Amino acid sequence: MAASEQLLLSIEDLAVSFDGFRAVDGVNLYVDEGELRVIIGPNGAGKTALLDLICGKTRATEGSILFRNKQLRGMSENQIVHAGVGRKFQAPSIYESLSVFENLELTYPKGRNVLGSLFFRRTEEVANRIQATADMVGLGDRLNDLAGLLSHGQKQWLEIAMLLIQEPELLMLDEPVAGMSQAERDQTATLLNRITQDRSVIIIEHDMKFVEQIANRVTVLDQGKVLAEGSIERIKKDERVIERYLGH
């Protein structure tokens, strides 16, 4: 693929093998700045494995992962976070015994390592940024509430906020609307479309109605390979995708 001034993430010939099984098999994926890309496919297609490779949780066997022309392969998970890549897993990972404010304060960039924590102070700048981030995800009026008292959907939004406060340039979410009510799904779609104004987002999702609400571009994985890619309208008409995934 030709180089693009807007290209944020460039993945080429990416593969990982587990005891001879290629969970990701020669994947090429290109994500632009400000793009919301959705990855779909049947169970076992390699969707979560692909995100694991990008964020450094799993080490690739072959291929290249360039983020702003910086090679992520070989970097630790922490180094990849500091490079500007944030990852949210399917189950919410929040501190339920702390308030919403404290959850966000804990993940504020200057407080997330030992040295930073020693010199971290709750300044007006910190408080304002926490308030603005909470407002963005619809939790601005819940800052003093314990995170454990939030609804399932609100817990998902809090975890997204915990990533946003670190200002990643690429945000990766694994099934963010699983278990949500329809109203929460609609609010999440609005939120995701809003945050792509300042960053790129990659989402793994099975809910096709939700995919239709949010996707700029859809990539379909099957058996570790890219089966199809394009607009949601094109994907829904692709006979291979219908046969391998949508028809089921």
C-alpha atoms as a PDB file:
ATOM      1  CA  MET A   1       0.000   0.000   0.000  1.00  0.00           C
ATOM      2  CA  ALA A   2       1.278   3.490  -0.819  1.00  0.00           C
ATOM      3  CA  ALA A   3       2.299   5.678   2.105  1.00  0.00           C
ATOM      4  CA  SER A   4      -0.355   8.079   3.361  1.00  0.00           C
ATOM      5  CA  GLU A   5       0.085  11.273   5.351  1.00  0.00           C
ATOM      6  CA  GLN A   6      -3.021  10.258   7.301  1.00  0.00           C
ATOM      7  CA  LEU A   7      -1.939   6.679   7.941  1.00  0.00           C
ATOM      8  CA  LEU A   8      -1.677   5.963  11.678  1.00  0.00           C
ATOM      9  CA  LEU A   9      -1.331   2.186  11.870  1.00  0.00           C
ATOM     10  CA  SER A  10       0.216  -0.050   9.220  1.00  0.00           C
ATOM     11  CA  ILE A  11       0.152  -3.817   9.758  1.00  0.00           C
ATOM     12  CA  GLU A  12       1.741  -6.043   7.146  1.00  0.00           C
ATOM     13  CA  ASP A  13       2.072  -9.844   6.872  1.00  0.00           C
ATOM     14  CA  LEU A  14       1.326 -10.205  10.597  1.00  0.00           C
ATOM     15  CA  ALA A  15       1.180 -13.732  11.965  1.00  0.00           C
ATOM     16  CA  VAL A  16       1.339 -15.611  15.238  1.00  0.00           C
ATOM     17  CA  SER A  17       1.508 -19.367  15.730  1.00  0.00           C
ATOM     18  CA  PHE A  18       0.600 -21.384  18.816  1.00  0.00           C
ATOM     19  CA  ASP A  19       1.920 -24.967  18.609  1.00  0.00           C
ATOM     20  CA  GLY A  20       1.656 -24.858  14.828  1.00  0.00           C
ATOM     21  CA  PHE A  21      -1.789 -23.226  14.748  1.00  0.00           C
ATOM     22  CA  ARG A  22      -1.719 -19.817  13.043  1.00  0.00           C
ATOM     23  CA  ALA A  23      -4.251 -17.737  15.011  1.00  0.00           C
ATOM     24  CA  VAL A  24      -3.352 -14.696  12.894  1.00  0.00           C
ATOM     25  CA  ASP A  25      -2.152 -15.595   9.419  1.00  0.00           C
ATOM     26  CA  GLY A  26      -0.604 -12.951   7.166  1.00  0.00           C
ATOM     27  CA  VAL A  27      -2.903 -10.054   8.073  1.00  0.00           C
ATOM     28  CA  ASN A  28      -2.537  -6.665   6.364  1.00  0.00           C
ATOM     29  CA  LEU A  29      -4.438  -3.796   8.005  1.00  0.00           C
ATOM     30  CA  TYR A  30      -4.160  -0.033   7.499  1.00  0.00           C
ATOM     31  CA  VAL A  31      -5.923   2.463   9.781  1.00  0.00           C
ATOM     32  CA  ASP A  32      -6.018   6.207   9.127  1.00  0.00           C
ATOM     33  CA  GLU A  33      -6.041   9.044  11.642  1.00  0.00           C
ATOM     34  CA  GLY A  34      -9.556   9.746  12.909  1.00  0.00           C
ATOM     35  CA  GLU A  35     -10.899   6.436  11.576  1.00  0.00           C
ATOM     36  CA  LEU A  36     -13.313   4.158  13.398  1.00  0.00           C
ATOM     37  CA  ARG A  37     -12.556   0.639  12.160  1.00  0.00           C
ATOM     38  CA  VAL A  38     -14.702  -2.323  13.182  1.00  0.00           C
ATOM     39  CA  ILE A  39     -13.379  -5.874  13.009  1.00  0.00           C
ATOM     40  CA  ILE A  40     -15.965  -8.648  12.730  1.00  0.00           C
ATOM     41  CA  GLY A  41     -15.885 -12.377  12.083  1.00  0.00           C
ATOM     42  CA  PRO A  42     -16.870 -15.748  13.516  1.00  0.00           C
ATOM     43  CA  ASN A  43     -15.575 -17.024  16.847  1.00  0.00           C
ATOM     44  CA  GLY A  44     -11.966 -18.122  16.526  1.00  0.00           C
ATOM     45  CA  ALA A  45     -11.347 -15.853  13.529  1.00  0.00           C
ATOM     46  CA  GLY A  46      -8.358 -14.184  15.227  1.00  0.00           C
ATOM     47  CA  LYS A  47      -9.976 -10.855  16.182  1.00  0.00           C
ATOM     48  CA  THR A  48      -8.865 -10.675  19.819  1.00  0.00           C
ATOM     49  CA  ALA A  49      -5.526 -12.275  18.916  1.00  0.00           C
ATOM     50  CA  LEU A  50      -4.923  -9.402  16.482  1.00  0.00           C
ATOM     51  CA  LEU A  51      -5.506  -6.787  19.205  1.00  0.00           C
ATOM     52  CA  ASP A  52      -3.240  -8.780  21.536  1.00  0.00           C
ATOM     53  CA  LEU A  53      -0.451  -8.503  18.960  1.00  0.00           C
ATOM     54  CA  ILE A  54      -0.917  -4.756  18.483  1.00  0.00           C
ATOM     55  CA  CYS A  55      -0.854  -3.989  22.216  1.00  0.00           C
ATOM     56  CA  GLY A  56       2.079  -6.317  22.945  1.00  0.00           C
ATOM     57  CA  LYS A  57       0.198  -8.835  25.084  1.00  0.00           C
ATOM     58  CA  THR A  58       1.242 -11.489  22.551  1.00  0.00           C
ATOM     59  CA  ARG A  59       4.467 -11.468  20.538  1.00  0.00           C
ATOM     60  CA  ALA A  60       4.107 -11.839  16.773  1.00  0.00           C
ATOM     61  CA  THR A  61       5.825 -14.698  14.967  1.00  0.00           C
ATOM     62  CA  GLU A  62       6.081 -12.777  11.685  1.00  0.00           C
ATOM     63  CA  GLY A  63       5.275  -9.407  10.180  1.00  0.00           C
ATOM     64  CA  SER A  64       5.326  -5.720  10.987  1.00  0.00           C
ATOM     65  CA  ILE A  65       3.246  -3.371  13.172  1.00  0.00           C
ATOM     66  CA  LEU A  66       4.068   0.270  12.442  1.00  0.00           C
ATOM     67  CA  PHE A  67       2.388   2.958  14.555  1.00  0.00           C
ATOM     68  CA  ARG A  68       3.287   6.443  13.307  1.00  0.00           C
ATOM     69  CA  ASN A  69       6.187   4.715  11.528  1.00  0.00           C
ATOM     70  CA  LYS A  70       7.418   3.310  14.856  1.00  0.00           C
ATOM     71  CA  GLN A  71       7.828  -0.470  14.997  1.00  0.00           C
ATOM     72  CA  LEU A  72       5.740  -1.882  17.870  1.00  0.00           C
ATOM     73  CA  ARG A  73       6.968  -5.458  17.464  1.00  0.00           C
ATOM     74  CA  GLY A  74       9.388  -6.199  20.264  1.00  0.00           C
ATOM     75  CA  MET A  75       8.167  -3.354  22.488  1.00  0.00           C
ATOM     76  CA  SER A  76       6.695  -4.090  25.938  1.00  0.00           C
ATOM     77  CA  GLU A  77       3.024  -3.436  26.728  1.00  0.00           C
ATOM     78  CA  ASN A  78       3.978  -0.369  28.791  1.00  0.00           C
ATOM     79  CA  GLN A  79       6.137   1.023  25.998  1.00  0.00           C
ATOM     80  CA  ILE A  80       3.243   0.602  23.558  1.00  0.00           C
ATOM     81  CA  VAL A  81       0.878   2.411  25.947  1.00  0.00           C
ATOM     82  CA  HIS A  82       3.348   5.290  26.228  1.00  0.00           C
ATOM     83  CA  ALA A  83       3.662   5.342  22.435  1.00  0.00           C
ATOM     84  CA  GLY A  84      -0.055   6.191  22.295  1.00  0.00           C
ATOM     85  CA  VAL A  85      -1.995   2.918  22.051  1.00  0.00           C
ATOM     86  CA  GLY A  86      -4.770   2.176  24.576  1.00  0.00           C
ATOM     87  CA  ARG A  87      -6.577  -1.172  24.932  1.00  0.00           C
ATOM     88  CA  LYS A  88      -9.816  -2.059  26.659  1.00  0.00           C
ATOM     89  CA  PHE A  89     -10.684  -5.703  27.159  1.00  0.00           C
ATOM     90  CA  GLN A  90     -14.218  -7.128  27.061  1.00  0.00           C
ATOM     91  CA  ALA A  91     -14.876  -7.243  30.825  1.00  0.00           C
ATOM     92  CA  PRO A  92     -14.706  -3.875  32.623  1.00  0.00           C
ATOM     93  CA  SER A  93     -11.493  -3.521  34.640  1.00  0.00           C
ATOM     94  CA  ILE A  94     -12.180  -0.765  37.149  1.00  0.00           C
ATOM     95  CA  TYR A  95     -11.607  -0.250  40.868  1.00  0.00           C
ATOM     96  CA  GLU A  96     -15.115  -0.767  42.245  1.00  0.00           C
ATOM     97  CA  SER A  97     -14.259   0.284  45.818  1.00  0.00           C
ATOM     98  CA  LEU A  98     -12.993   3.685  44.606  1.00  0.00           C
ATOM     99  CA  SER A  99     -15.035   6.625  43.345  1.00  0.00           C
ATOM    100  CA  VAL A 100     -15.332   7.485  39.673  1.00  0.00           C
ATOM    101  CA  PHE A 101     -13.046  10.477  40.319  1.00  0.00           C
ATOM    102  CA  GLU A 102     -10.429   8.287  42.045  1.00  0.00           C
ATOM    103  CA  ASN A 103     -10.478   5.760  39.186  1.00  0.00           C
ATOM    104  CA  LEU A 104      -9.711   8.539  36.712  1.00  0.00           C
ATOM    105  CA  GLU A 105      -7.132  10.140  39.007  1.00  0.00           C
ATOM    106  CA  LEU A 106      -5.349   6.805  39.359  1.00  0.00           C
ATOM    107  CA  THR A 107      -4.911   6.479  35.598  1.00  0.00           C
ATOM    108  CA  TYR A 108      -3.956  10.127  35.037  1.00  0.00           C
ATOM    109  CA  PRO A 109      -0.620   9.981  33.144  1.00  0.00           C
ATOM    110  CA  LYS A 110       1.584  11.593  35.787  1.00  0.00           C
ATOM    111  CA  GLY A 111       0.350   9.189  38.453  1.00  0.00           C
ATOM    112  CA  ARG A 112       0.699   5.882  36.624  1.00  0.00           C
ATOM    113  CA  ASN A 113       4.299   5.001  37.472  1.00  0.00           C
ATOM    114  CA  VAL A 114       6.259   4.894  40.753  1.00  0.00           C
ATOM    115  CA  LEU A 115       8.222   8.102  40.179  1.00  0.00           C
ATOM    116  CA  GLY A 116       5.166   9.939  38.911  1.00  0.00           C
ATOM    117  CA  SER A 117       3.118   8.803  41.904  1.00  0.00           C
ATOM    118  CA  LEU A 118       5.719  10.139  44.351  1.00  0.00           C
ATOM    119  CA  PHE A 119       5.409  13.661  42.939  1.00  0.00           C
ATOM    120  CA  PHE A 120       1.761  13.518  41.841  1.00  0.00           C
ATOM    121  CA  ARG A 121      -0.492  16.244  43.247  1.00  0.00           C
ATOM    122  CA  ARG A 122      -4.214  16.807  42.756  1.00  0.00           C
ATOM    123  CA  THR A 123      -3.992  20.195  41.053  1.00  0.00           C
ATOM    124  CA  GLU A 124      -6.776  22.234  39.480  1.00  0.00           C
ATOM    125  CA  GLU A 125      -5.479  21.108  36.072  1.00  0.00           C
ATOM    126  CA  VAL A 126      -5.885  17.453  37.062  1.00  0.00           C
ATOM    127  CA  ALA A 127      -9.366  18.027  38.490  1.00  0.00           C
ATOM    128  CA  ASN A 128     -10.480  19.929  35.386  1.00  0.00           C
ATOM    129  CA  ARG A 129      -9.214  17.217  33.054  1.00  0.00           C
ATOM    130  CA  ILE A 130     -10.949  14.519  35.091  1.00  0.00           C
ATOM    131  CA  GLN A 131     -14.200  16.497  34.975  1.00  0.00           C
ATOM    132  CA  ALA A 132     -13.925  17.058  31.225  1.00  0.00           C
ATOM    133  CA  THR A 133     -13.186  13.378  30.561  1.00  0.00           C
ATOM    134  CA  ALA A 134     -16.086  12.255  32.768  1.00  0.00           C
ATOM    135  CA  ASP A 135     -18.392  14.718  30.985  1.00  0.00           C
ATOM    136  CA  MET A 136     -17.343  13.273  27.634  1.00  0.00           C
ATOM    137  CA  VAL A 137     -18.510   9.751  28.588  1.00  0.00           C
ATOM    138  CA  GLY A 138     -21.653  10.887  30.403  1.00  0.00           C
ATOM    139  CA  LEU A 139     -20.382  10.415  33.962  1.00  0.00           C
ATOM    140  CA  GLY A 140     -19.781  14.051  34.863  1.00  0.00           C
ATOM    141  CA  ASP A 141     -22.420  13.952  37.590  1.00  0.00           C
ATOM    142  CA  ARG A 142     -21.199  10.634  39.054  1.00  0.00           C
ATOM    143  CA  LEU A 143     -17.638  11.594  40.033  1.00  0.00           C
ATOM    144  CA  ASN A 144     -18.208  11.110  43.762  1.00  0.00           C
ATOM    145  CA  ASP A 145     -20.085   7.809  43.399  1.00  0.00           C
ATOM    146  CA  LEU A 146     -18.384   4.477  43.998  1.00  0.00           C
ATOM    147  CA  ALA A 147     -17.571   2.790  40.695  1.00  0.00           C
ATOM    148  CA  GLY A 148     -19.158  -0.424  41.979  1.00  0.00           C
ATOM    149  CA  LEU A 149     -22.563   1.305  42.089  1.00  0.00           C
ATOM    150  CA  LEU A 150     -22.550   2.123  38.376  1.00  0.00           C
ATOM    151  CA  SER A 151     -24.623   0.159  35.867  1.00  0.00           C
ATOM    152  CA  HIS A 152     -22.846  -2.285  33.555  1.00  0.00           C
ATOM    153  CA  GLY A 153     -22.888   0.247  30.713  1.00  0.00           C
ATOM    154  CA  GLN A 154     -21.587   3.042  32.943  1.00  0.00           C
ATOM    155  CA  LYS A 155     -18.720   0.817  34.077  1.00  0.00           C
ATOM    156  CA  GLN A 156     -17.790   0.311  30.431  1.00  0.00           C
ATOM    157  CA  TRP A 157     -17.865   4.084  29.889  1.00  0.00           C
ATOM    158  CA  LEU A 158     -15.702   4.622  32.976  1.00  0.00           C
ATOM    159  CA  GLU A 159     -13.073   2.258  31.633  1.00  0.00           C
ATOM    160  CA  ILE A 160     -13.143   4.058  28.284  1.00  0.00           C
ATOM    161  CA  ALA A 161     -12.666   7.328  30.206  1.00  0.00           C
ATOM    162  CA  MET A 162      -9.718   5.783  32.077  1.00  0.00           C
ATOM    163  CA  LEU A 163      -8.084   5.212  28.701  1.00  0.00           C
ATOM    164  CA  LEU A 164      -9.098   8.583  27.239  1.00  0.00           C
ATOM    165  CA  ILE A 165      -7.501  10.505  30.101  1.00  0.00           C
ATOM    166  CA  GLN A 166      -4.163   9.050  29.001  1.00  0.00           C
ATOM    167  CA  GLU A 167      -4.756  10.670  25.569  1.00  0.00           C
ATOM    168  CA  PRO A 168      -4.059   7.665  23.324  1.00  0.00           C
ATOM    169  CA  GLU A 169      -3.915   8.255  19.583  1.00  0.00           C
ATOM    170  CA  LEU A 170      -5.289   4.753  18.968  1.00  0.00           C
ATOM    171  CA  LEU A 171      -7.970   3.216  21.164  1.00  0.00           C
ATOM    172  CA  MET A 172      -8.836  -0.490  20.859  1.00  0.00           C
ATOM    173  CA  LEU A 173     -12.066  -1.869  22.336  1.00  0.00           C
ATOM    174  CA  ASP A 174     -13.205  -5.496  22.548  1.00  0.00           C
ATOM    175  CA  GLU A 175     -17.025  -5.832  22.325  1.00  0.00           C
ATOM    176  CA  PRO A 176     -17.747  -2.554  24.170  1.00  0.00           C
ATOM    177  CA  VAL A 177     -21.572  -2.905  24.103  1.00  0.00           C
ATOM    178  CA  ALA A 178     -21.834  -6.535  25.251  1.00  0.00           C
ATOM    179  CA  GLY A 179     -24.510  -6.754  27.966  1.00  0.00           C
ATOM    180  CA  MET A 180     -25.715  -3.163  27.503  1.00  0.00           C
ATOM    181  CA  SER A 181     -29.303  -2.011  27.218  1.00  0.00           C
ATOM    182  CA  GLN A 182     -30.434  -0.512  23.901  1.00  0.00           C
ATOM    183  CA  ALA A 183     -30.319   2.996  25.365  1.00  0.00           C
ATOM    184  CA  GLU A 184     -26.754   2.412  26.559  1.00  0.00           C
ATOM    185  CA  ARG A 185     -25.783   1.070  23.131  1.00  0.00           C
ATOM    186  CA  ASP A 186     -27.123   4.199  21.458  1.00  0.00           C
ATOM    187  CA  GLN A 187     -25.209   6.393  23.921  1.00  0.00           C
ATOM    188  CA  THR A 188     -22.049   4.364  23.310  1.00  0.00           C
ATOM    189  CA  ALA A 189     -22.405   4.825  19.543  1.00  0.00           C
ATOM    190  CA  THR A 190     -22.681   8.587  20.052  1.00  0.00           C
ATOM    191  CA  LEU A 191     -19.645   8.532  22.357  1.00  0.00           C
ATOM    192  CA  LEU A 192     -17.486   6.547  19.938  1.00  0.00           C
ATOM    193  CA  ASN A 193     -18.360   8.759  16.996  1.00  0.00           C
ATOM    194  CA  ARG A 194     -17.411  11.776  19.140  1.00  0.00           C
ATOM    195  CA  ILE A 195     -14.021  10.517  20.317  1.00  0.00           C
ATOM    196  CA  THR A 196     -12.837   9.685  16.783  1.00  0.00           C
ATOM    197  CA  GLN A 197     -12.600  13.426  16.183  1.00  0.00           C
ATOM    198  CA  ASP A 198      -9.306  13.322  18.114  1.00  0.00           C
ATOM    199  CA  ARG A 199      -8.096   9.745  17.676  1.00  0.00           C
ATOM    200  CA  SER A 200      -8.509   6.475  15.799  1.00  0.00           C
ATOM    201  CA  VAL A 201     -10.534   3.593  17.217  1.00  0.00           C
ATOM    202  CA  ILE A 202     -10.489  -0.136  16.451  1.00  0.00           C
ATOM    203  CA  ILE A 203     -13.459  -2.121  17.730  1.00  0.00           C
ATOM    204  CA  ILE A 204     -14.218  -5.835  17.791  1.00  0.00           C
ATOM    205  CA  GLU A 205     -17.983  -6.283  17.666  1.00  0.00           C
ATOM    206  CA  HIS A 206     -20.640  -8.927  16.905  1.00  0.00           C
ATOM    207  CA  ASP A 207     -23.738  -6.715  17.057  1.00  0.00           C
ATOM    208  CA  MET A 208     -24.258  -5.811  13.402  1.00  0.00           C
ATOM    209  CA  LYS A 209     -26.886  -3.138  14.140  1.00  0.00           C
ATOM    210  CA  PHE A 210     -24.328  -1.411  16.348  1.00  0.00           C
ATOM    211  CA  VAL A 211     -21.646  -1.823  13.667  1.00  0.00           C
ATOM    212  CA  GLU A 212     -23.945  -0.049  11.203  1.00  0.00           C
ATOM    213  CA  GLN A 213     -24.228   2.885  13.638  1.00  0.00           C
ATOM    214  CA  ILE A 214     -20.514   3.476  14.042  1.00  0.00           C
ATOM    215  CA  ALA A 215     -18.234   1.982  11.393  1.00  0.00           C
ATOM    216  CA  ASN A 216     -16.249   4.047   8.883  1.00  0.00           C
ATOM    217  CA  ARG A 217     -14.792   0.832   7.517  1.00  0.00           C
ATOM    218  CA  VAL A 218     -15.222  -2.861   8.354  1.00  0.00           C
ATOM    219  CA  THR A 219     -12.618  -5.628   8.246  1.00  0.00           C
ATOM    220  CA  VAL A 220     -13.831  -9.233   8.273  1.00  0.00           C
ATOM    221  CA  LEU A 221     -11.481 -11.894   9.661  1.00  0.00           C
ATOM    222  CA  ASP A 222     -11.900 -15.621   9.138  1.00  0.00           C
ATOM    223  CA  GLN A 223      -9.468 -18.336  10.209  1.00  0.00           C
ATOM    224  CA  GLY A 224      -6.824 -15.733  10.975  1.00  0.00           C
ATOM    225  CA  LYS A 225      -6.961 -14.085   7.558  1.00  0.00           C
ATOM    226  CA  VAL A 226      -8.656 -10.980   6.138  1.00  0.00           C
ATOM    227  CA  LEU A 227     -11.733 -12.265   4.292  1.00  0.00           C
ATOM    228  CA  ALA A 228     -13.111  -8.897   3.170  1.00  0.00           C
ATOM    229  CA  GLU A 229     -12.844  -5.172   3.844  1.00  0.00           C
ATOM    230  CA  GLY A 230     -14.854  -2.079   2.984  1.00  0.00           C
ATOM    231  CA  SER A 231     -17.938  -0.084   3.904  1.00  0.00           C
ATOM    232  CA  ILE A 232     -20.689  -1.747   5.916  1.00  0.00           C
ATOM    233  CA  GLU A 233     -22.930  -1.685   2.818  1.00  0.00           C
ATOM    234  CA  ARG A 234     -20.318  -3.537   0.775  1.00  0.00           C
ATOM    235  CA  ILE A 235     -19.628  -6.053   3.542  1.00  0.00           C
ATOM    236  CA  LYS A 236     -23.318  -6.902   3.971  1.00  0.00           C
ATOM    237  CA  LYS A 237     -23.528  -7.782   0.252  1.00  0.00           C
ATOM    238  CA  ASP A 238     -20.302  -9.803   0.079  1.00  0.00           C
ATOM    239  CA  GLU A 239     -21.237 -13.429  -0.667  1.00  0.00           C
ATOM    240  CA  ARG A 240     -18.166 -14.805   1.147  1.00  0.00           C
ATOM    241  CA  VAL A 241     -19.037 -12.834   4.307  1.00  0.00           C
ATOM    242  CA  ILE A 242     -22.676 -13.924   4.142  1.00  0.00           C
ATOM    243  CA  GLU A 243     -21.633 -17.554   3.778  1.00  0.00           C
ATOM    244  CA  ARG A 244     -18.915 -17.563   6.452  1.00  0.00           C
ATOM    245  CA  TYR A 245     -20.420 -15.173   8.998  1.00  0.00           C
ATOM    246  CA  LEU A 246     -23.563 -13.112   8.441  1.00  0.00           C
ATOM    247  CA  GLY A 247     -25.647 -16.048   7.228  1.00  0.00           C
ATOM    248  CA  HIS A 248     -25.155 -17.749  10.581  1.00  0.00           C
END
